[in-house]
Amino acid sequence: MGLLSNRVNRESLKPGDHIYSWRAAYIYAHHGIYVGDGRVIHFTRRGQEVGTGTVLDVFLASSGPARSFVPCPTCIPLEEGNGVVSSCLNCFLAGGVLYRFEYGVNPALFLAKARGGTCSLATSDSDDLVVHRAKYLLENGFGCYNVFKNNCEDFAIYCKTGLLVVDQSTMGQSGQAVSIIGGPLAAVLSTPLRLVTTNVYGMAVTAVGVYCASRYAADIGMRKDVMKIPVEDLTQRLATGLLQVVEPQILPAMAPESHLLIGR
């Protein structure tokens, strides 16, 4: 397993693998669950790989892969639905490189990673259960997409572990979302320590330390605000309102952003 990510070849894939592919300039990665026969189940924002419901989507869309106007003959056509889609491996990768997300890594390797969203301290459930969750959610949905609280990586992590953050006022399971927040947060939190060390190298080491600590504490394998929820129970909560989908309006002219509130 490399320090940046774990590149693999297609022949090594097995059903139940959590896979991902970096998009342009490593801005973000798209995640999904490989279910066998060259198929990947993944979570989208109405068919778009990543979105915020704001003007930032223009920038994110430009970073994503170029899509062909010719429909893929093997992929299920996208319909207005729950956001969970099934694609062939080629369409999922969209010309990108294939990587496998690793589970049960040791803390030293986890902290050595320069970027979040590539591994977790949490252990994975059995491959059969992972595939079952992914296929069940393909039919029943995974709530509303939110880039920081309920994104494609959150979906894949849930399929692998069955763990879900119960307090959605906090960050979701996504390691890459934590990385996006953790970098600026590390700079802010390390600023008061300028009184301890005025050396620029010392400040840099401090910022890196704060960043690594935030990633470690936010990993799904370390968090205390998570609950093991059976996939059937998850979709029942969605249907009955115990797990509420809230879509606050950001700006009247823009699409709404959403997040999940889980009733205990």
C-alpha atoms as a PDB file:
ATOM      1  CA  MET A   1       0.000   0.000   0.000  1.00  0.00           C
ATOM      2  CA  GLY A   2       1.537   3.324  -1.084  1.00  0.00           C
ATOM      3  CA  LEU A   3       1.731   6.476   0.999  1.00  0.00           C
ATOM      4  CA  LEU A   4      -0.554   8.379  -1.389  1.00  0.00           C
ATOM      5  CA  SER A   5      -3.026   5.651  -2.308  1.00  0.00           C
ATOM      6  CA  ASN A   6      -3.319   2.003  -3.224  1.00  0.00           C
ATOM      7  CA  ARG A   7      -3.346   1.531  -6.974  1.00  0.00           C
ATOM      8  CA  VAL A   8      -4.559  -1.898  -8.129  1.00  0.00           C
ATOM      9  CA  ASN A   9      -5.280  -3.672 -11.376  1.00  0.00           C
ATOM     10  CA  ARG A  10      -8.704  -4.878 -12.447  1.00  0.00           C
ATOM     11  CA  GLU A  11      -7.784  -8.528 -12.188  1.00  0.00           C
ATOM     12  CA  SER A  12      -7.251  -8.197  -8.425  1.00  0.00           C
ATOM     13  CA  LEU A  13     -10.759  -6.858  -7.743  1.00  0.00           C
ATOM     14  CA  LYS A  14     -13.294  -8.958  -5.875  1.00  0.00           C
ATOM     15  CA  PRO A  15     -16.956  -8.289  -5.054  1.00  0.00           C
ATOM     16  CA  GLY A  16     -17.216  -6.139  -1.954  1.00  0.00           C
ATOM     17  CA  ASP A  17     -14.136  -4.025  -2.649  1.00  0.00           C
ATOM     18  CA  HIS A  18     -14.380  -0.295  -1.941  1.00  0.00           C
ATOM     19  CA  ILE A  19     -12.751   1.329  -4.948  1.00  0.00           C
ATOM     20  CA  TYR A  20     -12.134   4.906  -6.028  1.00  0.00           C
ATOM     21  CA  SER A  21     -10.536   6.993  -8.748  1.00  0.00           C
ATOM     22  CA  TRP A  22      -8.986  10.449  -8.460  1.00  0.00           C
ATOM     23  CA  ARG A  23     -10.348  13.115 -10.729  1.00  0.00           C
ATOM     24  CA  ALA A  24      -8.526  16.051 -12.351  1.00  0.00           C
ATOM     25  CA  ALA A  25      -5.488  17.296 -10.430  1.00  0.00           C
ATOM     26  CA  TYR A  26      -6.381  15.107  -7.442  1.00  0.00           C
ATOM     27  CA  ILE A  27      -9.067  17.605  -6.427  1.00  0.00           C
ATOM     28  CA  TYR A  28     -11.402  14.846  -5.299  1.00  0.00           C
ATOM     29  CA  ALA A  29     -11.935  11.114  -5.702  1.00  0.00           C
ATOM     30  CA  HIS A  30     -15.115   9.288  -6.653  1.00  0.00           C
ATOM     31  CA  HIS A  31     -15.871   6.182  -4.554  1.00  0.00           C
ATOM     32  CA  GLY A  32     -18.020   3.106  -5.049  1.00  0.00           C
ATOM     33  CA  ILE A  33     -18.491  -0.578  -4.247  1.00  0.00           C
ATOM     34  CA  TYR A  34     -17.421  -3.186  -6.781  1.00  0.00           C
ATOM     35  CA  VAL A  35     -20.123  -5.890  -6.882  1.00  0.00           C
ATOM     36  CA  GLY A  36     -18.632  -8.219  -9.497  1.00  0.00           C
ATOM     37  CA  ASP A  37     -19.180  -8.795 -13.226  1.00  0.00           C
ATOM     38  CA  GLY A  38     -17.544  -5.452 -13.993  1.00  0.00           C
ATOM     39  CA  ARG A  39     -20.223  -3.495 -12.087  1.00  0.00           C
ATOM     40  CA  VAL A  40     -19.863  -0.690  -9.542  1.00  0.00           C
ATOM     41  CA  ILE A  41     -22.596   0.741  -7.314  1.00  0.00           C
ATOM     42  CA  HIS A  42     -21.967   4.328  -6.260  1.00  0.00           C
ATOM     43  CA  PHE A  43     -23.746   7.376  -4.825  1.00  0.00           C
ATOM     44  CA  THR A  44     -24.255  10.603  -6.771  1.00  0.00           C
ATOM     45  CA  ARG A  45     -26.016  13.939  -6.545  1.00  0.00           C
ATOM     46  CA  ARG A  46     -28.759  13.390  -9.122  1.00  0.00           C
ATOM     47  CA  GLY A  47     -26.261  11.677 -11.405  1.00  0.00           C
ATOM     48  CA  GLN A  48     -23.499  14.231 -10.824  1.00  0.00           C
ATOM     49  CA  GLU A  49     -20.461  12.773  -9.071  1.00  0.00           C
ATOM     50  CA  VAL A  50     -19.987  15.654  -6.642  1.00  0.00           C
ATOM     51  CA  GLY A  51     -21.991  18.761  -5.825  1.00  0.00           C
ATOM     52  CA  THR A  52     -22.685  21.373  -3.188  1.00  0.00           C
ATOM     53  CA  GLY A  53     -25.813  23.064  -4.485  1.00  0.00           C
ATOM     54  CA  THR A  54     -23.834  26.297  -4.900  1.00  0.00           C
ATOM     55  CA  VAL A  55     -21.855  28.080  -7.617  1.00  0.00           C
ATOM     56  CA  LEU A  56     -18.876  25.976  -6.502  1.00  0.00           C
ATOM     57  CA  ASP A  57     -20.407  23.188  -8.599  1.00  0.00           C
ATOM     58  CA  VAL A  58     -19.251  24.951 -11.765  1.00  0.00           C
ATOM     59  CA  PHE A  59     -15.649  24.512 -10.631  1.00  0.00           C
ATOM     60  CA  LEU A  60     -16.191  20.927  -9.452  1.00  0.00           C
ATOM     61  CA  ALA A  61     -17.917  19.932 -12.685  1.00  0.00           C
ATOM     62  CA  SER A  62     -14.991  21.282 -14.706  1.00  0.00           C
ATOM     63  CA  SER A  63     -12.677  19.064 -12.644  1.00  0.00           C
ATOM     64  CA  GLY A  64     -14.713  15.956 -13.321  1.00  0.00           C
ATOM     65  CA  PRO A  65     -14.296  13.537 -16.214  1.00  0.00           C
ATOM     66  CA  ALA A  66     -15.601  14.362 -19.662  1.00  0.00           C
ATOM     67  CA  ARG A  67     -18.701  12.309 -20.370  1.00  0.00           C
ATOM     68  CA  SER A  68     -19.603  10.815 -23.714  1.00  0.00           C
ATOM     69  CA  PHE A  69     -22.905  11.828 -25.277  1.00  0.00           C
ATOM     70  CA  VAL A  70     -23.311   8.247 -26.505  1.00  0.00           C
ATOM     71  CA  PRO A  71     -25.073   6.148 -23.825  1.00  0.00           C
ATOM     72  CA  CYS A  72     -23.094   3.172 -22.537  1.00  0.00           C
ATOM     73  CA  PRO A  73     -24.833  -0.020 -23.714  1.00  0.00           C
ATOM     74  CA  THR A  74     -24.071  -1.875 -20.476  1.00  0.00           C
ATOM     75  CA  CYS A  75     -24.937   0.798 -17.876  1.00  0.00           C
ATOM     76  CA  ILE A  76     -28.391   1.262 -16.386  1.00  0.00           C
ATOM     77  CA  PRO A  77     -29.843   4.554 -17.688  1.00  0.00           C
ATOM     78  CA  LEU A  78     -29.976   7.239 -15.003  1.00  0.00           C
ATOM     79  CA  GLU A  79     -33.494   8.020 -13.839  1.00  0.00           C
ATOM     80  CA  GLU A  80     -34.831  10.627 -11.447  1.00  0.00           C
ATOM     81  CA  GLY A  81     -34.450   8.672  -8.249  1.00  0.00           C
ATOM     82  CA  ASN A  82     -32.408   8.097  -5.131  1.00  0.00           C
ATOM     83  CA  GLY A  83     -28.923   8.985  -6.388  1.00  0.00           C
ATOM     84  CA  VAL A  84     -27.503   5.474  -5.993  1.00  0.00           C
ATOM     85  CA  VAL A  85     -26.534   4.195  -9.434  1.00  0.00           C
ATOM     86  CA  SER A  86     -25.005   1.113 -11.032  1.00  0.00           C
ATOM     87  CA  SER A  87     -22.319   1.585 -13.677  1.00  0.00           C
ATOM     88  CA  CYS A  88     -19.824  -0.523 -15.537  1.00  0.00           C
ATOM     89  CA  LEU A  89     -16.266  -0.238 -14.273  1.00  0.00           C
ATOM     90  CA  ASN A  90     -15.171   1.705 -17.363  1.00  0.00           C
ATOM     91  CA  CYS A  91     -17.819   4.396 -16.873  1.00  0.00           C
ATOM     92  CA  PHE A  92     -17.078   4.601 -13.149  1.00  0.00           C
ATOM     93  CA  LEU A  93     -13.364   5.151 -13.786  1.00  0.00           C
ATOM     94  CA  ALA A  94     -14.050   7.522 -16.704  1.00  0.00           C
ATOM     95  CA  GLY A  95     -10.495   7.090 -17.923  1.00  0.00           C
ATOM     96  CA  GLY A  96      -8.998   7.433 -14.436  1.00  0.00           C
ATOM     97  CA  VAL A  97      -6.766   5.075 -12.485  1.00  0.00           C
ATOM     98  CA  LEU A  98      -8.231   2.366 -10.252  1.00  0.00           C
ATOM     99  CA  TYR A  99      -7.464   2.409  -6.506  1.00  0.00           C
ATOM    100  CA  ARG A 100      -8.691   0.285  -3.611  1.00  0.00           C
ATOM    101  CA  PHE A 101      -9.645   1.796  -0.248  1.00  0.00           C
ATOM    102  CA  GLU A 102      -8.058  -0.144   2.623  1.00  0.00           C
ATOM    103  CA  TYR A 103      -9.601  -1.035   5.987  1.00  0.00           C
ATOM    104  CA  GLY A 104      -8.075  -2.067   9.302  1.00  0.00           C
ATOM    105  CA  VAL A 105      -4.791  -0.233   8.631  1.00  0.00           C
ATOM    106  CA  ASN A 106      -2.433   0.425  11.525  1.00  0.00           C
ATOM    107  CA  PRO A 107      -2.277   3.950  13.007  1.00  0.00           C
ATOM    108  CA  ALA A 108       1.266   4.596  11.771  1.00  0.00           C
ATOM    109  CA  LEU A 109       0.324   3.951   8.151  1.00  0.00           C
ATOM    110  CA  PHE A 110      -2.890   5.930   8.529  1.00  0.00           C
ATOM    111  CA  LEU A 111      -1.037   8.972   9.849  1.00  0.00           C
ATOM    112  CA  ALA A 112       1.646   8.639   7.166  1.00  0.00           C
ATOM    113  CA  LYS A 113      -0.961   9.228   4.467  1.00  0.00           C
ATOM    114  CA  ALA A 114      -0.628  12.657   2.939  1.00  0.00           C
ATOM    115  CA  ARG A 115      -4.296  12.728   1.947  1.00  0.00           C
ATOM    116  CA  GLY A 116      -7.479  11.460   3.564  1.00  0.00           C
ATOM    117  CA  GLY A 117     -10.025   9.287   1.780  1.00  0.00           C
ATOM    118  CA  THR A 118      -7.704   6.363   1.016  1.00  0.00           C
ATOM    119  CA  CYS A 119      -7.893   4.132   4.106  1.00  0.00           C
ATOM    120  CA  SER A 120      -9.503   3.697   7.522  1.00  0.00           C
ATOM    121  CA  LEU A 121      -8.698   2.294  10.935  1.00  0.00           C
ATOM    122  CA  ALA A 122     -12.131   0.618  10.947  1.00  0.00           C
ATOM    123  CA  THR A 123     -12.501  -3.022   9.970  1.00  0.00           C
ATOM    124  CA  SER A 124     -14.655  -4.145   7.070  1.00  0.00           C
ATOM    125  CA  ASP A 125     -17.584  -6.535   7.296  1.00  0.00           C
ATOM    126  CA  SER A 126     -17.775  -9.649   5.112  1.00  0.00           C
ATOM    127  CA  ASP A 127     -17.768  -9.163   1.347  1.00  0.00           C
ATOM    128  CA  ASP A 128     -21.213 -10.763   1.011  1.00  0.00           C
ATOM    129  CA  LEU A 129     -22.722  -8.307   3.496  1.00  0.00           C
ATOM    130  CA  VAL A 130     -21.006  -5.371   1.764  1.00  0.00           C
ATOM    131  CA  VAL A 131     -22.461  -6.354  -1.616  1.00  0.00           C
ATOM    132  CA  HIS A 132     -25.882  -6.914  -0.030  1.00  0.00           C
ATOM    133  CA  ARG A 133     -25.892  -3.399   1.436  1.00  0.00           C
ATOM    134  CA  ALA A 134     -24.832  -1.816  -1.859  1.00  0.00           C
ATOM    135  CA  LYS A 135     -27.493  -3.645  -3.873  1.00  0.00           C
ATOM    136  CA  TYR A 136     -30.166  -2.918  -1.280  1.00  0.00           C
ATOM    137  CA  LEU A 137     -29.355   0.790  -1.318  1.00  0.00           C
ATOM    138  CA  LEU A 138     -29.386   0.766  -5.122  1.00  0.00           C
ATOM    139  CA  GLU A 139     -33.064  -0.138  -4.879  1.00  0.00           C
ATOM    140  CA  ASN A 140     -33.983   1.887  -1.790  1.00  0.00           C
ATOM    141  CA  GLY A 141     -31.699   4.930  -1.689  1.00  0.00           C
ATOM    142  CA  PHE A 142     -29.185   6.476   0.709  1.00  0.00           C
ATOM    143  CA  GLY A 143     -30.869   9.770   1.503  1.00  0.00           C
ATOM    144  CA  CYS A 144     -29.914  13.104  -0.015  1.00  0.00           C
ATOM    145  CA  TYR A 145     -26.410  13.849  -1.237  1.00  0.00           C
ATOM    146  CA  ASN A 146     -24.289  16.298   0.746  1.00  0.00           C
ATOM    147  CA  VAL A 147     -20.648  16.856  -0.161  1.00  0.00           C
ATOM    148  CA  PHE A 148     -19.533  17.130   3.501  1.00  0.00           C
ATOM    149  CA  LYS A 149     -22.036  14.905   5.313  1.00  0.00           C
ATOM    150  CA  ASN A 150     -23.389  12.267   2.938  1.00  0.00           C
ATOM    151  CA  ASN A 151     -21.249  11.783  -0.161  1.00  0.00           C
ATOM    152  CA  CYS A 152     -19.980   8.898  -2.305  1.00  0.00           C
ATOM    153  CA  GLU A 153     -17.242   8.009   0.189  1.00  0.00           C
ATOM    154  CA  ASP A 154     -19.752   8.026   3.070  1.00  0.00           C
ATOM    155  CA  PHE A 155     -21.884   5.618   1.034  1.00  0.00           C
ATOM    156  CA  ALA A 156     -18.994   3.228   0.381  1.00  0.00           C
ATOM    157  CA  ILE A 157     -17.813   3.364   4.011  1.00  0.00           C
ATOM    158  CA  TYR A 158     -21.325   2.570   5.233  1.00  0.00           C
ATOM    159  CA  CYS A 159     -21.551  -0.394   2.829  1.00  0.00           C
ATOM    160  CA  LYS A 160     -18.202  -1.703   4.125  1.00  0.00           C
ATOM    161  CA  THR A 161     -18.783  -1.172   7.861  1.00  0.00           C
ATOM    162  CA  GLY A 162     -22.487  -0.586   8.519  1.00  0.00           C
ATOM    163  CA  LEU A 163     -21.442   2.444  10.598  1.00  0.00           C
ATOM    164  CA  LEU A 164     -23.242   5.755  10.293  1.00  0.00           C
ATOM    165  CA  VAL A 165     -22.647   9.066  12.051  1.00  0.00           C
ATOM    166  CA  VAL A 166     -25.679   9.655  14.271  1.00  0.00           C
ATOM    167  CA  ASP A 167     -25.086  13.368  14.823  1.00  0.00           C
ATOM    168  CA  GLN A 168     -25.297  14.978  11.422  1.00  0.00           C
ATOM    169  CA  SER A 169     -24.469  18.402  12.802  1.00  0.00           C
ATOM    170  CA  THR A 170     -20.888  17.115  12.588  1.00  0.00           C
ATOM    171  CA  MET A 171     -18.760  15.888   9.692  1.00  0.00           C
ATOM    172  CA  GLY A 172     -19.724  12.629   8.003  1.00  0.00           C
ATOM    173  CA  GLN A 173     -17.510   9.574   7.561  1.00  0.00           C
ATOM    174  CA  SER A 174     -15.689  10.863   4.477  1.00  0.00           C
ATOM    175  CA  GLY A 175     -11.915  11.063   4.858  1.00  0.00           C
ATOM    176  CA  GLN A 176     -11.473  13.359   1.867  1.00  0.00           C
ATOM    177  CA  ALA A 177     -14.039  15.810   3.306  1.00  0.00           C
ATOM    178  CA  VAL A 178     -12.063  15.828   6.561  1.00  0.00           C
ATOM    179  CA  SER A 179      -8.915  16.573   4.549  1.00  0.00           C
ATOM    180  CA  ILE A 180     -10.557  19.552   2.863  1.00  0.00           C
ATOM    181  CA  ILE A 181     -11.626  20.961   6.232  1.00  0.00           C
ATOM    182  CA  GLY A 182      -8.558  19.725   8.139  1.00  0.00           C
ATOM    183  CA  GLY A 183      -5.980  21.677   6.160  1.00  0.00           C
ATOM    184  CA  PRO A 184      -7.393  25.147   6.859  1.00  0.00           C
ATOM    185  CA  LEU A 185      -8.357  24.041  10.370  1.00  0.00           C
ATOM    186  CA  ALA A 186      -4.778  23.012  11.095  1.00  0.00           C
ATOM    187  CA  ALA A 187      -3.536  26.417   9.977  1.00  0.00           C
ATOM    188  CA  VAL A 188      -6.079  28.208  12.173  1.00  0.00           C
ATOM    189  CA  LEU A 189      -5.506  26.078  15.256  1.00  0.00           C
ATOM    190  CA  SER A 190      -1.739  26.254  14.971  1.00  0.00           C
ATOM    191  CA  THR A 191      -1.728  30.055  14.727  1.00  0.00           C
ATOM    192  CA  PRO A 192      -2.004  30.634  18.518  1.00  0.00           C
ATOM    193  CA  LEU A 193       1.100  28.448  18.928  1.00  0.00           C
ATOM    194  CA  ARG A 194       3.203  31.121  17.216  1.00  0.00           C
ATOM    195  CA  LEU A 195       3.948  32.351  20.764  1.00  0.00           C
ATOM    196  CA  VAL A 196       5.568  28.991  21.497  1.00  0.00           C
ATOM    197  CA  THR A 197       7.636  28.802  18.338  1.00  0.00           C
ATOM    198  CA  THR A 198       8.328  31.636  15.927  1.00  0.00           C
ATOM    199  CA  ASN A 199      10.403  29.437  13.643  1.00  0.00           C
ATOM    200  CA  VAL A 200       8.627  28.889  10.319  1.00  0.00           C
ATOM    201  CA  TYR A 201       9.659  25.234  10.268  1.00  0.00           C
ATOM    202  CA  GLY A 202       8.333  24.750  13.769  1.00  0.00           C
ATOM    203  CA  MET A 203       5.006  26.262  12.748  1.00  0.00           C
ATOM    204  CA  ALA A 204       4.858  23.987   9.712  1.00  0.00           C
ATOM    205  CA  VAL A 205       5.480  20.894  11.851  1.00  0.00           C
ATOM    206  CA  THR A 206       2.806  22.061  14.289  1.00  0.00           C
ATOM    207  CA  ALA A 207       0.271  22.576  11.491  1.00  0.00           C
ATOM    208  CA  VAL A 208       0.986  19.101  10.091  1.00  0.00           C
ATOM    209  CA  GLY A 209       0.582  17.631  13.574  1.00  0.00           C
ATOM    210  CA  VAL A 210      -2.785  19.329  14.078  1.00  0.00           C
ATOM    211  CA  TYR A 211      -3.903  18.156  10.624  1.00  0.00           C
ATOM    212  CA  CYS A 212      -2.914  14.531  11.310  1.00  0.00           C
ATOM    213  CA  ALA A 213      -4.589  14.589  14.724  1.00  0.00           C
ATOM    214  CA  SER A 214      -7.829  15.904  13.216  1.00  0.00           C
ATOM    215  CA  ARG A 215      -7.817  13.147  10.560  1.00  0.00           C
ATOM    216  CA  TYR A 216      -7.125  10.479  13.171  1.00  0.00           C
ATOM    217  CA  ALA A 217      -9.892  11.645  15.514  1.00  0.00           C
ATOM    218  CA  ALA A 218     -12.415  11.964  12.674  1.00  0.00           C
ATOM    219  CA  ASP A 219     -11.805   8.490  11.223  1.00  0.00           C
ATOM    220  CA  ILE A 220     -14.851   6.231  11.385  1.00  0.00           C
ATOM    221  CA  GLY A 221     -12.809   3.649  13.296  1.00  0.00           C
ATOM    222  CA  MET A 222     -12.094   6.110  16.130  1.00  0.00           C
ATOM    223  CA  ARG A 223     -15.289   8.124  16.427  1.00  0.00           C
ATOM    224  CA  LYS A 224     -17.764   7.684  19.268  1.00  0.00           C
ATOM    225  CA  ASP A 225     -20.703   9.321  17.468  1.00  0.00           C
ATOM    226  CA  VAL A 226     -21.355   6.354  15.158  1.00  0.00           C
ATOM    227  CA  MET A 227     -23.911   3.584  15.256  1.00  0.00           C
ATOM    228  CA  LYS A 228     -24.067   0.189  13.548  1.00  0.00           C
ATOM    229  CA  ILE A 229     -27.301   0.310  11.571  1.00  0.00           C
ATOM    230  CA  PRO A 230     -28.626  -2.615   9.478  1.00  0.00           C
ATOM    231  CA  VAL A 231     -29.311  -1.520   5.918  1.00  0.00           C
ATOM    232  CA  GLU A 232     -32.980  -2.531   6.164  1.00  0.00           C
ATOM    233  CA  ASP A 233     -33.326  -0.413   9.307  1.00  0.00           C
ATOM    234  CA  LEU A 234     -31.609   2.506   7.592  1.00  0.00           C
ATOM    235  CA  THR A 235     -34.048   2.596   4.685  1.00  0.00           C
ATOM    236  CA  GLN A 236     -37.007   2.082   7.046  1.00  0.00           C
ATOM    237  CA  ARG A 237     -35.891   5.138   9.023  1.00  0.00           C
ATOM    238  CA  LEU A 238     -35.789   7.105   5.798  1.00  0.00           C
ATOM    239  CA  ALA A 239     -39.281   5.950   4.869  1.00  0.00           C
ATOM    240  CA  THR A 240     -40.833   6.634   8.286  1.00  0.00           C
ATOM    241  CA  GLY A 241     -39.068   9.921   8.996  1.00  0.00           C
ATOM    242  CA  LEU A 242     -36.950   8.686  11.916  1.00  0.00           C
ATOM    243  CA  LEU A 243     -34.062   9.558   9.646  1.00  0.00           C
ATOM    244  CA  GLN A 244     -35.125  12.919   8.245  1.00  0.00           C
ATOM    245  CA  VAL A 245     -33.922  14.372   4.981  1.00  0.00           C
ATOM    246  CA  VAL A 246     -33.615  18.126   5.398  1.00  0.00           C
ATOM    247  CA  GLU A 247     -33.090  20.365   2.371  1.00  0.00           C
ATOM    248  CA  PRO A 248     -32.472  23.961   3.485  1.00  0.00           C
ATOM    249  CA  GLN A 249     -32.406  26.593   0.765  1.00  0.00           C
ATOM    250  CA  ILE A 250     -28.955  28.171   0.359  1.00  0.00           C
ATOM    251  CA  LEU A 251     -29.988  30.802  -2.196  1.00  0.00           C
ATOM    252  CA  PRO A 252     -33.352  31.029  -3.977  1.00  0.00           C
ATOM    253  CA  ALA A 253     -31.778  30.697  -7.415  1.00  0.00           C
ATOM    254  CA  MET A 254     -29.681  27.688  -6.485  1.00  0.00           C
ATOM    255  CA  ALA A 255     -30.441  24.041  -5.922  1.00  0.00           C
ATOM    256  CA  PRO A 256     -30.917  23.050  -2.269  1.00  0.00           C
ATOM    257  CA  GLU A 257     -28.269  21.305  -0.275  1.00  0.00           C
ATOM    258  CA  SER A 258     -29.294  18.512   2.055  1.00  0.00           C
ATOM    259  CA  HIS A 259     -28.229  16.545   5.087  1.00  0.00           C
ATOM    260  CA  LEU A 260     -29.480  13.702   7.261  1.00  0.00           C
ATOM    261  CA  LEU A 261     -30.800  13.876  10.786  1.00  0.00           C
ATOM    262  CA  ILE A 262     -30.961  10.480  12.456  1.00  0.00           C
ATOM    263  CA  GLY A 263     -33.419   9.896  15.248  1.00  0.00           C
ATOM    264  CA  ARG A 264     -32.148   7.550  17.880  1.00  0.00           C
END
